[in-house]
PDB file of N, CA and C in Angstrom:
ATOM      1  N   MET A   1     -15.564 -14.580  -3.828  1.00  0.00           N
ATOM      2  CA  MET A   1     -14.815 -13.309  -3.566  1.00  0.00           C
ATOM      3  C   MET A   1     -14.193 -12.437  -5.040  1.00  0.00           C
ATOM      4  N   ASN A   2     -14.205 -11.151  -4.740  1.00  0.00           N
ATOM      5  CA  ASN A   2     -13.965 -10.501  -6.138  1.00  0.00           C
ATOM      6  C   ASN A   2     -12.742  -9.478  -5.651  1.00  0.00           C
ATOM      7  N   ILE A   3     -11.823  -9.359  -6.279  1.00  0.00           N
ATOM      8  CA  ILE A   3     -10.962  -8.244  -5.819  1.00  0.00           C
ATOM      9  C   ILE A   3     -10.662  -7.084  -7.214  1.00  0.00           C
ATOM     10  N   GLN A   4     -10.869  -6.373  -6.702  1.00  0.00           N
ATOM     11  CA  GLN A   4     -10.752  -4.919  -7.084  1.00  0.00           C
ATOM     12  C   GLN A   4      -9.801  -4.109  -7.380  1.00  0.00           C
ATOM     13  N   TYR A   5      -8.976  -3.767  -8.310  1.00  0.00           N
ATOM     14  CA  TYR A   5      -8.122  -2.894  -8.083  1.00  0.00           C
ATOM     15  C   TYR A   5      -8.481  -1.112  -8.427  1.00  0.00           C
ATOM     16  N   VAL A   6      -8.260  -0.170  -7.554  1.00  0.00           N
ATOM     17  CA  VAL A   6      -8.414   1.064  -7.955  1.00  0.00           C
ATOM     18  C   VAL A   6      -6.843   1.952  -7.909  1.00  0.00           C
ATOM     19  N   ASN A   7      -6.803   2.964  -8.543  1.00  0.00           N
ATOM     20  CA  ASN A   7      -5.584   3.636  -8.419  1.00  0.00           C
ATOM     21  C   ASN A   7      -5.436   4.800  -7.254  1.00  0.00           C
ATOM     22  N   ARG A   8      -6.343   4.959  -6.608  1.00  0.00           N
ATOM     23  CA  ARG A   8      -6.180   6.005  -5.321  1.00  0.00           C
ATOM     24  C   ARG A   8      -7.189   5.453  -4.377  1.00  0.00           C
ATOM     25  N   PRO A   9      -7.161   5.830  -3.307  1.00  0.00           N
ATOM     26  CA  PRO A   9      -7.927   5.278  -2.147  1.00  0.00           C
ATOM     27  C   PRO A   9      -9.274   5.778  -2.243  1.00  0.00           C
ATOM     28  N   ASN A  10     -10.428   4.806  -1.790  1.00  0.00           N
ATOM     29  CA  ASN A  10     -11.528   5.478  -1.719  1.00  0.00           C
ATOM     30  C   ASN A  10     -12.465   4.773  -0.647  1.00  0.00           C
ATOM     31  N   GLY A  11     -13.588   5.230  -0.901  1.00  0.00           N
ATOM     32  CA  GLY A  11     -14.621   4.730   0.821  1.00  0.00           C
ATOM     33  C   GLY A  11     -14.298   3.575   1.386  1.00  0.00           C
ATOM     34  N   ASP A  12     -14.152   2.589   0.678  1.00  0.00           N
ATOM     35  CA  ASP A  12     -14.081   1.199   1.127  1.00  0.00           C
ATOM     36  C   ASP A  12     -12.530   1.060   1.739  1.00  0.00           C
ATOM     37  N   PHE A  13     -12.119   1.280   1.059  1.00  0.00           N
ATOM     38  CA  PHE A  13     -10.420   1.448   1.552  1.00  0.00           C
ATOM     39  C   PHE A  13     -10.090   2.123   2.877  1.00  0.00           C
ATOM     40  N   GLU A  14     -10.702   3.547   2.868  1.00  0.00           N
ATOM     41  CA  GLU A  14     -10.623   4.360   3.914  1.00  0.00           C
ATOM     42  C   GLU A  14     -11.299   3.335   5.114  1.00  0.00           C
ATOM     43  N   SER A  15     -12.361   3.033   4.968  1.00  0.00           N
ATOM     44  CA  SER A  15     -13.322   2.252   6.231  1.00  0.00           C
ATOM     45  C   SER A  15     -12.724   1.032   6.687  1.00  0.00           C
ATOM     46  N   LEU A  16     -11.983   0.186   5.812  1.00  0.00           N
ATOM     47  CA  LEU A  16     -11.109  -0.807   6.085  1.00  0.00           C
ATOM     48  C   LEU A  16     -10.050  -0.184   7.158  1.00  0.00           C
ATOM     49  N   CYS A  17      -9.442   0.774   6.529  1.00  0.00           N
ATOM     50  CA  CYS A  17      -8.251   1.361   7.281  1.00  0.00           C
ATOM     51  C   CYS A  17      -8.495   1.786   8.920  1.00  0.00           C
ATOM     52  N   ILE A  18      -9.911   2.484   8.862  1.00  0.00           N
ATOM     53  CA  ILE A  18     -10.293   2.821  10.198  1.00  0.00           C
ATOM     54  C   ILE A  18     -10.741   1.695  11.306  1.00  0.00           C
ATOM     55  N   LEU A  19     -11.052   0.675  10.421  1.00  0.00           N
ATOM     56  CA  LEU A  19     -11.159  -0.703  11.331  1.00  0.00           C
ATOM     57  C   LEU A  19      -9.860  -1.071  11.728  1.00  0.00           C
ATOM     58  N   LEU A  20      -8.875  -1.165  11.194  1.00  0.00           N
ATOM     59  CA  LEU A  20      -7.396  -1.425  11.358  1.00  0.00           C
ATOM     60  C   LEU A  20      -6.837  -0.885  12.232  1.00  0.00           C
ATOM     61  N   ASP A  21      -6.985   0.659  12.450  1.00  0.00           N
ATOM     62  CA  ASP A  21      -6.741   1.587  13.262  1.00  0.00           C
ATOM     63  C   ASP A  21      -7.455   1.062  14.860  1.00  0.00           C
ATOM     64  N   ILE A  22      -8.529   1.024  14.612  1.00  0.00           N
ATOM     65  CA  ILE A  22      -9.144   0.407  15.956  1.00  0.00           C
ATOM     66  C   ILE A  22      -8.981  -0.794  16.453  1.00  0.00           C
ATOM     67  N   SER A  23      -8.938  -1.844  15.557  1.00  0.00           N
ATOM     68  CA  SER A  23      -8.301  -2.837  16.233  1.00  0.00           C
ATOM     69  C   SER A  23      -7.146  -2.849  16.520  1.00  0.00           C
ATOM     70  N   LEU A  24      -6.055  -2.279  15.890  1.00  0.00           N
ATOM     71  CA  LEU A  24      -4.752  -2.104  16.581  1.00  0.00           C
ATOM     72  C   LEU A  24      -4.822  -1.426  18.080  1.00  0.00           C
ATOM     73  N   LYS A  25      -5.597  -0.306  18.050  1.00  0.00           N
ATOM     74  CA  LYS A  25      -5.712   0.234  19.412  1.00  0.00           C
ATOM     75  C   LYS A  25      -6.352  -0.794  20.433  1.00  0.00           C
ATOM     76  N   GLU A  26      -7.181  -1.628  20.144  1.00  0.00           N
ATOM     77  CA  GLU A  26      -7.732  -2.611  20.844  1.00  0.00           C
ATOM     78  C   GLU A  26      -6.771  -3.683  21.619  1.00  0.00           C
ATOM     79  N   ALA A  27      -6.026  -3.888  20.296  1.00  0.00           N
ATOM     80  CA  ALA A  27      -4.900  -5.072  20.903  1.00  0.00           C
ATOM     81  C   ALA A  27      -3.787  -4.781  21.859  1.00  0.00           C
ATOM     82  N   VAL A  28      -3.509  -3.292  21.744  1.00  0.00           N
ATOM     83  CA  VAL A  28      -2.571  -2.962  22.227  1.00  0.00           C
ATOM     84  C   VAL A  28      -3.232  -2.350  23.576  1.00  0.00           C
ATOM     85  N   ALA A  29      -4.589  -2.595  23.759  1.00  0.00           N
ATOM     86  CA  ALA A  29      -5.635  -1.897  25.233  1.00  0.00           C
ATOM     87  C   ALA A  29      -4.902  -0.820  25.827  1.00  0.00           C
ATOM     88  N   GLY A  30      -4.378   0.338  24.484  1.00  0.00           N
ATOM     89  CA  GLY A  30      -4.016   1.599  25.154  1.00  0.00           C
ATOM     90  C   GLY A  30      -3.118   1.784  26.188  1.00  0.00           C
ATOM     91  N   GLU A  31      -1.973   0.710  26.044  1.00  0.00           N
ATOM     92  CA  GLU A  31      -0.819   0.328  26.584  1.00  0.00           C
ATOM     93  C   GLU A  31       0.255   1.924  26.470  1.00  0.00           C
ATOM     94  N   PHE A  32       0.270   2.300  24.787  1.00  0.00           N
ATOM     95  CA  PHE A  32       1.161   3.379  24.747  1.00  0.00           C
ATOM     96  C   PHE A  32       0.602   4.380  23.678  1.00  0.00           C
ATOM     97  N   ASP A  33       1.014   5.549  23.748  1.00  0.00           N
ATOM     98  CA  ASP A  33       0.314   6.409  23.124  1.00  0.00           C
ATOM     99  C   ASP A  33       1.060   6.022  21.457  1.00  0.00           C
ATOM    100  N   GLN A  34       0.076   6.214  20.119  1.00  0.00           N
ATOM    101  CA  GLN A  34       0.001   5.594  19.015  1.00  0.00           C
ATOM    102  C   GLN A  34       0.491   7.040  18.137  1.00  0.00           C
ATOM    103  N   THR A  35       0.395   8.215  19.158  1.00  0.00           N
ATOM    104  CA  THR A  35       0.500   9.512  18.371  1.00  0.00           C
ATOM    105  C   THR A  35       1.483   9.365  17.299  1.00  0.00           C
ATOM    106  N   PRO A  36       2.824   9.207  17.865  1.00  0.00           N
ATOM    107  CA  PRO A  36       4.000   9.277  16.883  1.00  0.00           C
ATOM    108  C   PRO A  36       3.817   8.145  15.397  1.00  0.00           C
ATOM    109  N   TYR A  37       2.989   7.366  15.594  1.00  0.00           N
ATOM    110  CA  TYR A  37       2.866   6.734  14.430  1.00  0.00           C
ATOM    111  C   TYR A  37       1.913   6.882  13.472  1.00  0.00           C
ATOM    112  N   ARG A  38       1.083   7.850  13.653  1.00  0.00           N
ATOM    113  CA  ARG A  38       0.140   8.556  12.822  1.00  0.00           C
ATOM    114  C   ARG A  38       0.719   9.095  11.495  1.00  0.00           C
ATOM    115  N   GLN A  39       2.136   9.654  11.522  1.00  0.00           N
ATOM    116  CA  GLN A  39       2.517  10.071  10.659  1.00  0.00           C
ATOM    117  C   GLN A  39       3.002   9.174   9.699  1.00  0.00           C
ATOM    118  N   PHE A  40       3.107   7.615   9.933  1.00  0.00           N
ATOM    119  CA  PHE A  40       3.120   6.754   9.008  1.00  0.00           C
ATOM    120  C   PHE A  40       2.153   5.927   8.650  1.00  0.00           C
ATOM    121  N   ASN A  41       0.998   6.437   8.903  1.00  0.00           N
ATOM    122  CA  ASN A  41      -0.344   5.651   8.592  1.00  0.00           C
ATOM    123  C   ASN A  41      -1.279   6.687   7.729  1.00  0.00           C
ATOM    124  N   THR A  42      -0.784   7.779   7.154  1.00  0.00           N
ATOM    125  CA  THR A  42      -1.740   8.587   6.093  1.00  0.00           C
ATOM    126  C   THR A  42      -1.711   8.069   4.695  1.00  0.00           C
ATOM    127  N   LEU A  43      -3.014   8.275   4.035  1.00  0.00           N
ATOM    128  CA  LEU A  43      -3.218   8.077   3.054  1.00  0.00           C
ATOM    129  C   LEU A  43      -2.977   8.743   2.072  1.00  0.00           C
ATOM    130  N   GLU A  44      -2.432   9.575   1.874  1.00  0.00           N
ATOM    131  CA  GLU A  44      -1.678  10.699   0.840  1.00  0.00           C
ATOM    132  C   GLU A  44      -0.861   9.888  -0.218  1.00  0.00           C
ATOM    133  N   LYS A  45      -0.081   9.102   0.145  1.00  0.00           N
ATOM    134  CA  LYS A  45       0.917   8.568  -0.867  1.00  0.00           C
ATOM    135  C   LYS A  45       0.435   7.369  -1.430  1.00  0.00           C
ATOM    136  N   ILE A  46      -0.911   6.772  -1.159  1.00  0.00           N
ATOM    137  CA  ILE A  46      -1.271   5.274  -1.405  1.00  0.00           C
ATOM    138  C   ILE A  46      -1.958   5.963  -2.801  1.00  0.00           C
ATOM    139  N   ARG A  47      -1.389   4.947  -3.884  1.00  0.00           N
ATOM    140  CA  ARG A  47      -2.082   5.011  -5.123  1.00  0.00           C
ATOM    141  C   ARG A  47      -2.716   3.943  -5.832  1.00  0.00           C
ATOM    142  N   ASP A  48      -2.091   2.724  -5.388  1.00  0.00           N
ATOM    143  CA  ASP A  48      -2.439   1.455  -6.155  1.00  0.00           C
ATOM    144  C   ASP A  48      -3.101   0.679  -4.693  1.00  0.00           C
ATOM    145  N   VAL A  49      -4.209   0.386  -5.077  1.00  0.00           N
ATOM    146  CA  VAL A  49      -4.928  -0.476  -3.994  1.00  0.00           C
ATOM    147  C   VAL A  49      -5.626  -1.822  -4.522  1.00  0.00           C
ATOM    148  N   PHE A  50      -5.847  -2.706  -3.667  1.00  0.00           N
ATOM    149  CA  PHE A  50      -6.276  -3.710  -3.996  1.00  0.00           C
ATOM    150  C   PHE A  50      -7.364  -4.018  -3.205  1.00  0.00           C
ATOM    151  N   ILE A  51      -8.484  -4.236  -3.396  1.00  0.00           N
ATOM    152  CA  ILE A  51      -9.728  -4.643  -2.414  1.00  0.00           C
ATOM    153  C   ILE A  51     -10.659  -5.990  -2.701  1.00  0.00           C
ATOM    154  N   ALA A  52     -10.505  -6.360  -1.412  1.00  0.00           N
ATOM    155  CA  ALA A  52     -11.299  -7.804  -1.686  1.00  0.00           C
ATOM    156  C   ALA A  52     -12.779  -7.745  -1.278  1.00  0.00           C
ATOM    157  N   TYR A  53     -13.562  -8.214  -1.829  1.00  0.00           N
ATOM    158  CA  TYR A  53     -15.119  -8.099  -1.709  1.00  0.00           C
ATOM    159  C   TYR A  53     -15.310  -9.547  -1.770  1.00  0.00           C
ATOM    160  N   ASP A  54     -16.372  -9.892  -0.505  1.00  0.00           N
ATOM    161  CA  ASP A  54     -17.088 -10.864  -0.364  1.00  0.00           C
ATOM    162  C   ASP A  54     -18.331 -10.644  -0.322  1.00  0.00           C
ATOM    163  N   GLY A  55     -19.139 -11.215  -1.321  1.00  0.00           N
ATOM    164  CA  GLY A  55     -20.783 -10.745  -1.227  1.00  0.00           C
ATOM    165  C   GLY A  55     -20.961  -8.973  -1.436  1.00  0.00           C
ATOM    166  N   GLY A  56     -20.059  -8.380  -2.074  1.00  0.00           N
ATOM    167  CA  GLY A  56     -20.596  -6.788  -2.211  1.00  0.00           C
ATOM    168  C   GLY A  56     -19.674  -6.176  -1.171  1.00  0.00           C
ATOM    169  N   ILE A  57     -19.096  -7.260   0.167  1.00  0.00           N
ATOM    170  CA  ILE A  57     -18.893  -6.540   1.512  1.00  0.00           C
ATOM    171  C   ILE A  57     -17.479  -6.483   1.127  1.00  0.00           C
ATOM    172  N   PRO A  58     -16.639  -5.105   1.580  1.00  0.00           N
ATOM    173  CA  PRO A  58     -15.226  -5.053   1.515  1.00  0.00           C
ATOM    174  C   PRO A  58     -14.660  -5.920   2.582  1.00  0.00           C
ATOM    175  N   VAL A  59     -14.108  -7.056   2.500  1.00  0.00           N
ATOM    176  CA  VAL A  59     -13.648  -7.824   3.739  1.00  0.00           C
ATOM    177  C   VAL A  59     -11.727  -7.640   4.016  1.00  0.00           C
ATOM    178  N   GLY A  60     -11.223  -7.126   2.851  1.00  0.00           N
ATOM    179  CA  GLY A  60      -9.762  -7.093   2.936  1.00  0.00           C
ATOM    180  C   GLY A  60      -9.142  -6.096   1.761  1.00  0.00           C
ATOM    181  N   CYS A  61      -8.012  -5.969   2.044  1.00  0.00           N
ATOM    182  CA  CYS A  61      -7.159  -4.811   1.113  1.00  0.00           C
ATOM    183  C   CYS A  61      -5.808  -5.046   1.152  1.00  0.00           C
ATOM    184  N   ALA A  62      -5.094  -4.627   0.154  1.00  0.00           N
ATOM    185  CA  ALA A  62      -3.703  -4.465   0.217  1.00  0.00           C
ATOM    186  C   ALA A  62      -3.376  -3.381  -0.700  1.00  0.00           C
ATOM    187  N   SER A  63      -2.340  -2.521  -0.461  1.00  0.00           N
ATOM    188  CA  SER A  63      -1.744  -1.342  -1.267  1.00  0.00           C
ATOM    189  C   SER A  63      -0.045  -0.838  -1.125  1.00  0.00           C
ATOM    190  N   PHE A  64      -0.172  -0.088  -2.022  1.00  0.00           N
ATOM    191  CA  PHE A  64       1.463   0.007  -1.777  1.00  0.00           C
ATOM    192  C   PHE A  64       1.669   1.363  -1.986  1.00  0.00           C
ATOM    193  N   ARG A  65       2.712   1.853  -0.789  1.00  0.00           N
ATOM    194  CA  ARG A  65       2.936   3.056  -0.388  1.00  0.00           C
ATOM    195  C   ARG A  65       4.617   3.466  -0.919  1.00  0.00           C
ATOM    196  N   GLU A  66       4.734   4.015  -2.070  1.00  0.00           N
ATOM    197  CA  GLU A  66       5.967   4.439  -2.933  1.00  0.00           C
ATOM    198  C   GLU A  66       6.686   5.424  -1.735  1.00  0.00           C
ATOM    199  N   TYR A  67       8.134   4.884  -1.457  1.00  0.00           N
ATOM    200  CA  TYR A  67       9.140   6.258  -0.502  1.00  0.00           C
ATOM    201  C   TYR A  67       9.742   6.549  -1.544  1.00  0.00           C
ATOM    202  N   GLU A  68      10.449   6.081  -2.545  1.00  0.00           N
ATOM    203  CA  GLU A  68      11.152   6.750  -3.549  1.00  0.00           C
ATOM    204  C   GLU A  68      10.961   5.520  -4.701  1.00  0.00           C
ATOM    205  N   PRO A  69      11.447   6.359  -5.952  1.00  0.00           N
ATOM    206  CA  PRO A  69      11.460   5.502  -7.083  1.00  0.00           C
ATOM    207  C   PRO A  69      12.199   4.218  -6.759  1.00  0.00           C
ATOM    208  N   GLY A  70      11.444   2.875  -7.425  1.00  0.00           N
ATOM    209  CA  GLY A  70      11.989   1.498  -7.214  1.00  0.00           C
ATOM    210  C   GLY A  70      11.652   0.850  -5.375  1.00  0.00           C
ATOM    211  N   THR A  71      11.228   1.684  -4.593  1.00  0.00           N
ATOM    212  CA  THR A  71      10.641   1.340  -3.687  1.00  0.00           C
ATOM    213  C   THR A  71       9.698   1.460  -2.545  1.00  0.00           C
ATOM    214  N   ALA A  72       8.917   0.617  -2.305  1.00  0.00           N
ATOM    215  CA  ALA A  72       7.540   0.712  -1.856  1.00  0.00           C
ATOM    216  C   ALA A  72       7.365  -0.333  -0.671  1.00  0.00           C
ATOM    217  N   GLU A  73       6.168   0.240   0.120  1.00  0.00           N
ATOM    218  CA  GLU A  73       5.942  -0.675   1.595  1.00  0.00           C
ATOM    219  C   GLU A  73       4.793  -1.393   0.732  1.00  0.00           C
ATOM    220  N   VAL A  74       4.161  -2.315   0.831  1.00  0.00           N
ATOM    221  CA  VAL A  74       3.016  -3.138   0.876  1.00  0.00           C
ATOM    222  C   VAL A  74       2.378  -3.246   2.581  1.00  0.00           C
ATOM    223  N   LYS A  75       1.044  -2.558   2.166  1.00  0.00           N
ATOM    224  CA  LYS A  75       0.107  -2.405   3.449  1.00  0.00           C
ATOM    225  C   LYS A  75      -1.021  -3.582   3.111  1.00  0.00           C
ATOM    226  N   GLN A  76      -1.328  -3.902   4.440  1.00  0.00           N
ATOM    227  CA  GLN A  76      -2.356  -4.669   4.219  1.00  0.00           C
ATOM    228  C   GLN A  76      -3.484  -4.783   5.354  1.00  0.00           C
ATOM    229  N   ASP A  77      -4.535  -5.053   5.229  1.00  0.00           N
ATOM    230  CA  ASP A  77      -5.596  -5.257   6.321  1.00  0.00           C
ATOM    231  C   ASP A  77      -7.081  -6.117   5.855  1.00  0.00           C
ATOM    232  N   LEU A  78      -7.082  -7.354   6.972  1.00  0.00           N
ATOM    233  CA  LEU A  78      -8.204  -7.958   6.759  1.00  0.00           C
ATOM    234  C   LEU A  78      -9.226  -7.951   7.782  1.00  0.00           C
ATOM    235  N   LYS A  79     -10.283  -7.925   7.106  1.00  0.00           N
ATOM    236  CA  LYS A  79     -11.544  -7.616   8.151  1.00  0.00           C
ATOM    237  C   LYS A  79     -11.710  -9.235   8.910  1.00  0.00           C
TER     238      LYS A  79
END
């Protein structure tokens, strides 16, 4: 297992986020409209990203989204 830090989103991070979105949609089996939540799931304010690789394959990530100076949300995804 190798963990890499990047200071902005990259392709592996974006791919993991897409897989998370698909997984969450499957988990609720389309029971409710997720459109109102999309505004909270953008990647534009995310700068600090840690990506876990297993044999060169991205298998998980964690990132920080700053809301205001000194306040951030930790986001995570595991494949």
